[in-house]
Amino acid sequence: MDAHRVNAPRKLVSEEIFGEVEYFITHKHDELNRMFAYIRKIDKYEEDDYGQIYFNRFGSFQFIEVIGIDRCVGCFKIENLFYILDRERI
């Protein structure tokens, strides 16, 4: 990427990921404030016959810029699977 170039524009990658927010932090650099979320990602998820997303475990932790958070979803557990309630998929 362009990490070695000081004034390179950001190249945002758009991908749909799900995770659980652990906490938020703000960072000020060159008079510019940014907010980040430290999330526990869901690395692998699947879709059942009814279109509901489910997974069996959380994955690694990652910082993401809050501008990249599109919506909030809910999770609930049935036996050993976690289901994601996403209003956009209902």
Protein backbone atom coordinates (compact mmCIF):
# COMPACT_ATOMS: atom_id res chain seq x y z
CA MET A 1 0.00 0.00 0.00
CA ASP A 2 1.05 3.61 0.47
CA ALA A 3 2.00 3.51 4.15
CA HIS A 4 5.47 4.82 3.35
CA ARG A 5 4.03 7.95 1.68
CA VAL A 6 3.16 10.62 4.25
CA ASN A 7 0.45 12.46 2.29
CA ALA A 8 -1.02 9.52 0.41
CA PRO A 9 -4.84 9.48 0.38
CA ARG A 10 -6.53 6.72 2.33
CA LYS A 11 -7.66 3.73 0.32
CA LEU A 12 -10.66 2.34 2.14
CA VAL A 13 -11.51 -1.28 1.50
CA SER A 14 -15.20 -2.09 1.61
CA GLU A 15 -16.07 -5.51 2.97
CA GLU A 16 -18.90 -6.81 5.10
CA ILE A 17 -17.59 -7.99 8.44
CA PHE A 18 -19.40 -8.68 11.67
CA GLY A 19 -18.00 -8.32 15.15
CA GLU A 20 -18.54 -7.25 18.72
CA VAL A 21 -17.25 -3.83 19.80
CA GLU A 22 -15.04 -4.05 22.89
CA TYR A 23 -14.37 -0.29 23.20
CA PHE A 24 -13.96 2.97 21.30
CA ILE A 25 -10.94 5.27 21.31
CA THR A 26 -10.18 8.65 19.79
CA HIS A 27 -6.83 9.61 18.31
CA LYS A 28 -5.64 13.08 17.43
CA HIS A 29 -2.86 13.45 14.87
CA ASP A 30 -1.94 16.66 13.01
CA GLU A 31 -5.01 18.42 14.45
CA LEU A 32 -7.28 15.74 12.99
CA ASN A 33 -9.43 13.65 15.33
CA ARG A 34 -10.33 10.10 14.39
CA MET A 35 -12.39 7.53 16.25
CA PHE A 36 -11.61 3.83 16.20
CA ALA A 37 -13.42 0.76 17.51
CA TYR A 38 -11.60 -2.26 18.86
CA ILE A 39 -13.71 -5.20 17.71
CA ARG A 40 -13.67 -8.93 18.09
CA LYS A 41 -14.25 -10.09 14.54
CA ILE A 42 -16.26 -13.01 13.32
CA ASP A 43 -13.84 -14.65 10.90
CA LYS A 44 -16.15 -17.22 9.37
CA TYR A 45 -19.91 -17.12 9.17
CA GLU A 46 -22.49 -19.03 7.18
CA GLU A 47 -26.08 -18.58 6.07
CA ASP A 48 -28.81 -21.08 6.93
CA ASP A 49 -31.75 -22.18 4.74
CA TYR A 50 -33.78 -19.16 5.94
CA GLY A 51 -31.11 -16.57 5.11
CA GLN A 52 -30.00 -16.05 8.72
CA ILE A 53 -26.30 -15.61 9.43
CA TYR A 54 -24.70 -17.79 12.08
CA PHE A 55 -21.24 -18.61 13.41
CA ASN A 56 -19.78 -20.85 16.10
CA ARG A 57 -16.98 -18.71 17.58
CA PHE A 58 -15.48 -15.25 17.59
CA GLY A 59 -12.14 -14.66 15.91
CA SER A 60 -9.31 -12.19 16.31
CA PHE A 61 -9.37 -8.58 17.51
CA GLN A 62 -8.95 -5.66 15.11
CA PHE A 63 -9.08 -1.86 15.14
CA ILE A 64 -11.40 -0.34 12.56
CA GLU A 65 -12.19 3.30 11.92
CA VAL A 66 -15.68 4.12 13.18
CA ILE A 67 -16.55 5.74 9.85
CA GLY A 68 -16.59 2.17 8.51
CA ILE A 69 -19.37 0.98 10.86
CA ASP A 70 -22.53 0.74 8.80
CA ARG A 71 -25.11 -0.59 11.26
CA CYS A 72 -25.65 -2.32 14.57
CA VAL A 73 -26.85 -5.90 14.73
CA GLY A 74 -27.75 -8.23 17.57
CA CYS A 75 -26.55 -11.71 18.45
CA PHE A 76 -28.13 -14.57 20.32
CA LYS A 77 -26.95 -18.08 21.07
CA ILE A 78 -28.84 -21.33 20.43
CA GLU A 79 -26.94 -24.37 21.66
CA ASN A 80 -23.41 -23.98 20.25
CA LEU A 81 -24.24 -21.48 17.46
CA PHE A 82 -24.51 -17.69 17.55
CA TYR A 83 -27.12 -16.13 15.25
CA ILE A 84 -26.88 -12.56 13.99
CA LEU A 85 -30.06 -10.49 13.83
CA ASP A 86 -29.58 -8.08 10.95
CA ARG A 87 -32.60 -5.95 10.04
CA GLU A 88 -31.32 -5.50 6.49
CA ARG A 89 -31.58 -9.27 5.89
CA ILE A 90 -35.11 -9.73 7.29
